[in-house]
Amino acid sequence: MEVAERITEVGAQLTTAERRVAEVVLERPELVAFGTVAELADAAQAGAATVVRLAAKLDFDGFTALQAAVQTELSRQLRPAAVRIREARGGVVVQRHLQQELDNVQSTLLAIDERSVATAIQRLCDLDRSVLVLSGDASTGVSLQFVGDMLALRPGVELLSGNEVAISRRLSQVQPGDAVIAIDLRRYDRWVVDTARDAKARGVWLLALTDSALSPLASLADVAMVLNAGGVGPFDSHVGTLALLNVLVAAAADELREVATERLDKAEAAWSADSQLIER
């Protein structure tokens, strides 16, 4: 089990100080991989004993075992990116972005497990249930793309948007078992977290796509998938998010093959008819 998965599983049991250490483990894995207990404790403003307790709660035999696990994950995720960087012909700026975006995609996709994907696809492909996508402001673009792709495959998919009254009205119509996909990065929009909490209270199944296993969305979710969103510039990158959403869409297309092909054929026929009218 990945370190992030272990943190997600025990997140509710962590003390405030242990959560600070866990945040550092997730955000600065290189510090854990190549630092000491004292350095990790200092970065988290906690004591060395807190670091050891966290390692035990994560089912590691001390800090050394936690460190070894993080080192293994880093080597697995970063080595392919480094090889590709050496082969790149772009300038320094391009190479920096290339390395970061490769890391974003690989870290995001390697962190998810097949069980989580299978569960998510089962929910996304249940034609008797609605699928609502809830997005923070920064993630709206990739969320709209996801909604459009899913609507091409099945009905009943929509982006929760508008003002507070409109969103509350729509939530009042959800049925237990409907699926909500919440997508947001630090700094989490409060209205997104509040809406996810409200939806969860109404019995929906919640999938959180967020950048930390300890985010407020992850703590609410039935399934949480952690995104890597590092950016070379001043803004978060959504490349890793888009890659993960593409995985879900491709898997859903495979699961909904008969329904999806019928809808796509109709869309293609309508497009062809419109094109002929324009040519005339």
Protein backbone atom coordinates (compact mmCIF):
# COMPACT_ATOMS: atom_id res chain seq x y z
CA MET A 1 0.00 0.00 0.00
CA GLU A 2 1.29 3.48 -0.92
CA VAL A 3 2.19 5.89 1.87
CA ALA A 4 -0.57 8.30 0.78
CA GLU A 5 -3.13 5.47 0.94
CA ARG A 6 -2.06 4.60 4.46
CA ILE A 7 -2.40 8.24 5.51
CA THR A 8 -5.88 8.38 4.00
CA GLU A 9 -6.95 5.25 5.90
CA VAL A 10 -5.84 6.53 9.32
CA GLY A 11 -6.45 10.25 8.71
CA ALA A 12 -9.37 10.47 11.13
CA GLN A 13 -7.28 8.89 13.91
CA LEU A 14 -4.38 11.34 13.73
CA THR A 15 -3.76 14.02 16.33
CA THR A 16 -3.27 17.62 15.25
CA ALA A 17 0.53 17.29 15.51
CA GLU A 18 0.51 13.97 13.63
CA ARG A 19 -1.57 15.56 10.86
CA ARG A 20 1.06 18.28 10.48
CA VAL A 21 3.75 15.64 10.08
CA ALA A 22 1.58 13.71 7.61
CA GLU A 23 1.10 16.88 5.55
CA VAL A 24 4.87 17.29 5.28
CA VAL A 25 5.23 13.64 4.29
CA LEU A 26 2.75 14.18 1.45
CA GLU A 27 3.98 17.60 0.35
CA ARG A 28 7.74 17.13 0.74
CA PRO A 29 8.51 13.43 0.21
CA GLU A 30 12.12 14.28 -0.63
CA LEU A 31 12.58 15.58 2.94
CA VAL A 32 11.37 12.24 4.30
CA ALA A 33 13.42 10.25 1.79
CA PHE A 34 16.72 12.02 2.43
CA GLY A 35 16.28 13.77 5.78
CA THR A 36 16.24 12.79 9.42
CA VAL A 37 13.59 12.43 12.08
CA ALA A 38 14.67 15.77 13.53
CA GLU A 39 14.41 17.54 10.17
CA LEU A 40 10.95 16.16 9.50
CA ALA A 41 9.82 17.07 13.02
CA ASP A 42 11.20 20.59 12.61
CA ALA A 43 9.46 21.08 9.25
CA ALA A 44 6.15 20.01 10.81
CA GLN A 45 6.70 22.00 14.01
CA ALA A 46 6.30 18.80 15.99
CA GLY A 47 8.42 16.59 18.20
CA ALA A 48 10.53 13.63 17.12
CA ALA A 49 8.24 11.36 19.14
CA THR A 50 5.30 12.52 17.03
CA VAL A 51 7.13 11.43 13.87
CA VAL A 52 7.73 7.98 15.36
CA ARG A 53 4.09 7.69 16.48
CA LEU A 54 2.89 8.59 12.99
CA ALA A 55 5.13 5.95 11.43
CA ALA A 56 3.64 3.37 13.81
CA LYS A 57 0.08 4.42 12.99
CA LEU A 58 0.92 3.99 9.32
CA ASP A 59 2.01 0.42 10.18
CA PHE A 60 5.71 1.06 9.60
CA ASP A 61 8.38 -0.33 11.87
CA GLY A 62 9.77 3.09 12.79
CA PHE A 63 10.91 6.11 10.78
CA THR A 64 13.51 4.11 8.84
CA ALA A 65 10.83 1.89 7.33
CA LEU A 66 8.69 4.92 6.45
CA GLN A 67 11.73 6.55 4.86
CA ALA A 68 12.51 3.44 2.81
CA ALA A 69 8.93 3.30 1.51
CA VAL A 70 9.04 6.95 0.43
CA GLN A 71 12.42 6.42 -1.25
CA THR A 72 11.01 3.48 -3.21
CA GLU A 73 8.01 5.51 -4.36
CA LEU A 74 10.16 8.45 -5.41
CA SER A 75 12.55 6.28 -7.39
CA ARG A 76 9.67 4.54 -9.16
CA GLN A 77 7.91 7.79 -10.05
CA LEU A 78 10.77 10.08 -10.98
CA ARG A 79 13.24 7.90 -12.84
CA PRO A 80 11.18 7.59 -16.08
CA ALA A 81 10.68 11.37 -16.12
CA ALA A 82 14.39 11.99 -15.69
CA VAL A 83 15.18 9.72 -18.62
CA ARG A 84 12.76 11.62 -20.85
CA ILE A 85 14.15 14.97 -19.75
CA ARG A 86 17.65 13.94 -20.85
CA GLU A 87 16.24 13.15 -24.30
CA ALA A 88 14.35 16.46 -24.62
CA ARG A 89 15.58 19.03 -27.13
CA GLY A 90 13.69 22.03 -25.76
CA GLY A 91 15.34 24.93 -23.97
CA VAL A 92 15.80 25.24 -20.22
CA VAL A 93 12.30 26.64 -19.62
CA VAL A 94 10.67 23.92 -21.68
CA GLN A 95 12.65 21.23 -19.89
CA ARG A 96 11.62 22.54 -16.48
CA HIS A 97 7.95 22.43 -17.47
CA LEU A 98 8.36 19.05 -19.12
CA GLN A 99 9.86 17.55 -15.99
CA GLN A 100 7.15 19.02 -13.77
CA GLU A 101 4.26 17.92 -15.97
CA LEU A 102 5.66 14.43 -16.42
CA ASP A 103 5.99 14.22 -12.65
CA ASN A 104 2.40 15.48 -12.25
CA VAL A 105 0.99 12.82 -14.56
CA GLN A 106 3.11 9.94 -13.29
CA SER A 107 2.67 10.77 -9.61
CA THR A 108 -1.09 11.14 -10.04
CA LEU A 109 -1.66 7.97 -12.04
CA LEU A 110 0.76 5.80 -10.07
CA ALA A 111 -0.91 6.82 -6.80
CA ILE A 112 -4.33 5.43 -7.71
CA ASP A 113 -5.21 1.77 -7.31
CA GLU A 114 -7.34 -0.48 -9.48
CA ARG A 115 -9.95 -1.04 -6.78
CA SER A 116 -10.64 2.68 -6.50
CA VAL A 117 -10.92 3.03 -10.27
CA ALA A 118 -13.22 0.01 -10.50
CA THR A 119 -15.49 1.40 -7.78
CA ALA A 120 -15.59 4.82 -9.43
CA ILE A 121 -16.41 3.34 -12.85
CA GLN A 122 -19.22 1.27 -11.37
CA ARG A 123 -20.77 4.46 -10.02
CA LEU A 124 -20.13 6.54 -13.13
CA CYS A 125 -21.72 3.89 -15.34
CA ASP A 126 -24.87 3.29 -13.29
CA LEU A 127 -27.47 4.70 -15.71
CA ASP A 128 -30.12 4.71 -12.99
CA ARG A 129 -28.14 7.31 -11.05
CA SER A 130 -27.18 10.90 -11.75
CA VAL A 131 -23.57 12.04 -11.81
CA LEU A 132 -22.90 15.55 -10.51
CA VAL A 133 -19.50 17.20 -10.84
CA LEU A 134 -18.54 19.74 -8.19
CA SER A 135 -15.51 21.88 -8.97
CA GLY A 136 -13.48 24.62 -7.38
CA ASP A 137 -12.97 27.72 -9.48
CA ALA A 138 -9.46 26.80 -10.66
CA SER A 139 -10.56 23.31 -11.79
CA THR A 140 -13.61 24.44 -13.78
CA GLY A 141 -11.93 24.02 -17.17
CA VAL A 142 -10.94 20.37 -16.77
CA SER A 143 -14.25 19.67 -15.02
CA LEU A 144 -16.22 21.02 -17.99
CA GLN A 145 -14.17 18.83 -20.30
CA PHE A 146 -14.92 15.79 -18.14
CA VAL A 147 -18.66 16.55 -18.06
CA GLY A 148 -18.74 16.99 -21.84
CA ASP A 149 -16.90 13.72 -22.42
CA MET A 150 -19.14 11.80 -20.02
CA LEU A 151 -22.31 13.28 -21.57
CA ALA A 152 -21.16 11.92 -24.91
CA LEU A 153 -21.18 8.46 -23.30
CA ARG A 154 -24.30 8.57 -21.09
CA PRO A 155 -27.12 10.87 -19.97
CA GLY A 156 -27.53 12.37 -16.52
CA VAL A 157 -24.15 14.06 -16.05
CA GLU A 158 -23.97 17.72 -15.07
CA LEU A 159 -21.71 20.36 -13.55
CA LEU A 160 -22.99 21.85 -10.31
CA SER A 161 -22.73 25.57 -10.91
CA GLY A 162 -24.54 28.86 -10.47
CA ASN A 163 -25.32 30.72 -7.29
CA GLU A 164 -25.88 29.29 -3.82
CA VAL A 165 -29.65 29.15 -4.27
CA ALA A 166 -29.41 27.25 -7.56
CA ILE A 167 -26.96 24.73 -6.13
CA SER A 168 -29.09 24.20 -3.01
CA ARG A 169 -32.15 23.66 -5.20
CA ARG A 170 -30.33 21.05 -7.29
CA LEU A 171 -28.99 19.27 -4.20
CA SER A 172 -32.52 19.01 -2.83
CA GLN A 173 -33.31 16.78 -5.82
CA VAL A 174 -30.44 14.31 -5.46
CA GLN A 175 -31.28 10.74 -4.60
CA PRO A 176 -29.36 8.44 -2.26
CA GLY A 177 -26.83 6.58 -4.38
CA ASP A 178 -26.31 9.38 -6.91
CA ALA A 179 -22.63 10.12 -7.52
CA VAL A 180 -20.85 13.40 -6.85
CA ILE A 181 -17.33 13.97 -8.19
CA ALA A 182 -15.68 16.78 -6.20
CA ILE A 183 -12.56 18.31 -7.75
CA ASP A 184 -10.57 20.93 -5.88
CA LEU A 185 -7.02 21.84 -4.92
CA ARG A 186 -5.52 23.76 -2.06
CA ARG A 187 -6.67 26.43 -1.22
CA TYR A 188 -9.99 24.65 -1.08
CA ASP A 189 -13.07 26.72 -1.93
CA ARG A 190 -15.26 26.71 1.16
CA TRP A 191 -18.47 26.46 -0.86
CA VAL A 192 -17.15 23.31 -2.56
CA VAL A 193 -16.42 21.63 0.78
CA ASP A 194 -19.77 22.75 2.22
CA THR A 195 -21.65 21.51 -0.84
CA ALA A 196 -19.83 18.16 -0.74
CA ARG A 197 -20.70 17.82 2.94
CA ASP A 198 -24.35 18.62 2.22
CA ALA A 199 -24.47 16.13 -0.65
CA LYS A 200 -22.87 13.45 1.50
CA ALA A 201 -25.50 14.03 4.19
CA ARG A 202 -28.16 13.35 1.54
CA GLY A 203 -26.74 9.90 0.88
CA VAL A 204 -24.76 10.42 -2.31
CA TRP A 205 -21.61 8.48 -3.15
CA LEU A 206 -18.68 10.89 -3.15
CA LEU A 207 -15.44 10.69 -5.14
CA ALA A 208 -12.86 13.35 -4.22
CA LEU A 209 -10.08 14.34 -6.60
CA THR A 210 -7.83 16.55 -4.53
CA ASP A 211 -4.17 17.28 -3.86
CA SER A 212 -3.83 15.85 -0.36
CA ALA A 213 -4.97 12.71 1.40
CA LEU A 214 -5.69 14.98 4.38
CA SER A 215 -7.79 17.56 2.51
CA PRO A 216 -11.31 18.24 3.82
CA LEU A 217 -12.74 16.68 0.65
CA ALA A 218 -10.76 13.47 1.11
CA SER A 219 -12.07 13.10 4.66
CA LEU A 220 -15.66 13.27 3.37
CA ALA A 221 -15.23 10.97 0.38
CA ASP A 222 -16.09 7.32 -0.11
CA VAL A 223 -13.10 7.18 -2.46
CA ALA A 224 -10.33 9.78 -2.65
CA MET A 225 -7.73 10.05 -5.41
CA VAL A 226 -4.74 12.30 -4.80
CA LEU A 227 -3.60 14.63 -7.58
CA ASN A 228 -0.13 16.02 -8.12
CA ALA A 229 -0.55 19.65 -9.19
CA GLY A 230 2.90 21.16 -8.96
CA GLY A 231 3.57 24.07 -11.28
CA VAL A 232 6.77 25.72 -12.47
CA GLY A 233 4.97 29.05 -12.67
CA PRO A 234 2.79 30.81 -10.08
CA PHE A 235 -0.26 28.59 -10.61
CA ASP A 236 -1.17 24.97 -9.93
CA SER A 237 -1.05 22.62 -12.90
CA HIS A 238 -4.17 20.71 -13.95
CA VAL A 239 -2.36 18.34 -16.29
CA GLY A 240 -2.34 15.53 -13.73
CA THR A 241 -6.04 16.13 -13.02
CA LEU A 242 -6.88 15.95 -16.71
CA ALA A 243 -4.86 12.75 -17.08
CA LEU A 244 -6.80 11.11 -14.25
CA LEU A 245 -10.14 12.27 -15.65
CA ASN A 246 -9.12 10.85 -19.04
CA VAL A 247 -8.51 7.48 -17.36
CA LEU A 248 -12.02 7.56 -15.88
CA VAL A 249 -13.61 8.56 -19.21
CA ALA A 250 -11.76 5.83 -21.14
CA ALA A 251 -12.72 3.18 -18.59
CA ALA A 252 -16.34 4.38 -18.60
CA ALA A 253 -16.44 4.23 -22.41
CA ASP A 254 -15.30 0.62 -22.26
CA GLU A 255 -17.90 -0.25 -19.62
CA LEU A 256 -20.72 1.59 -21.43
CA ARG A 257 -19.69 0.33 -24.85
CA GLU A 258 -23.18 -0.39 -26.22
CA VAL A 259 -24.86 2.75 -24.88
CA ALA A 260 -21.86 4.94 -25.63
CA THR A 261 -21.50 3.83 -29.26
CA GLU A 262 -25.21 4.45 -29.89
CA ARG A 263 -24.97 7.97 -28.48
CA LEU A 264 -21.77 8.72 -30.37
CA ASP A 265 -23.26 7.43 -33.63
CA LYS A 266 -26.27 9.74 -33.21
CA ALA A 267 -24.00 12.69 -32.43
CA GLU A 268 -21.86 11.94 -35.49
CA ALA A 269 -24.95 11.69 -37.72
CA ALA A 270 -26.23 15.04 -36.42
CA TRP A 271 -22.84 16.64 -37.01
CA SER A 272 -22.70 15.28 -40.56
CA ALA A 273 -26.18 16.60 -41.31
CA ASP A 274 -25.27 20.06 -40.00
CA SER A 275 -22.05 20.07 -42.04
CA GLN A 276 -23.96 19.28 -45.24
CA LEU A 277 -26.36 22.17 -44.59
CA ILE A 278 -23.43 24.56 -44.14
CA GLU A 279 -21.82 23.37 -47.40
CA ARG A 280 -25.04 24.03 -49.29
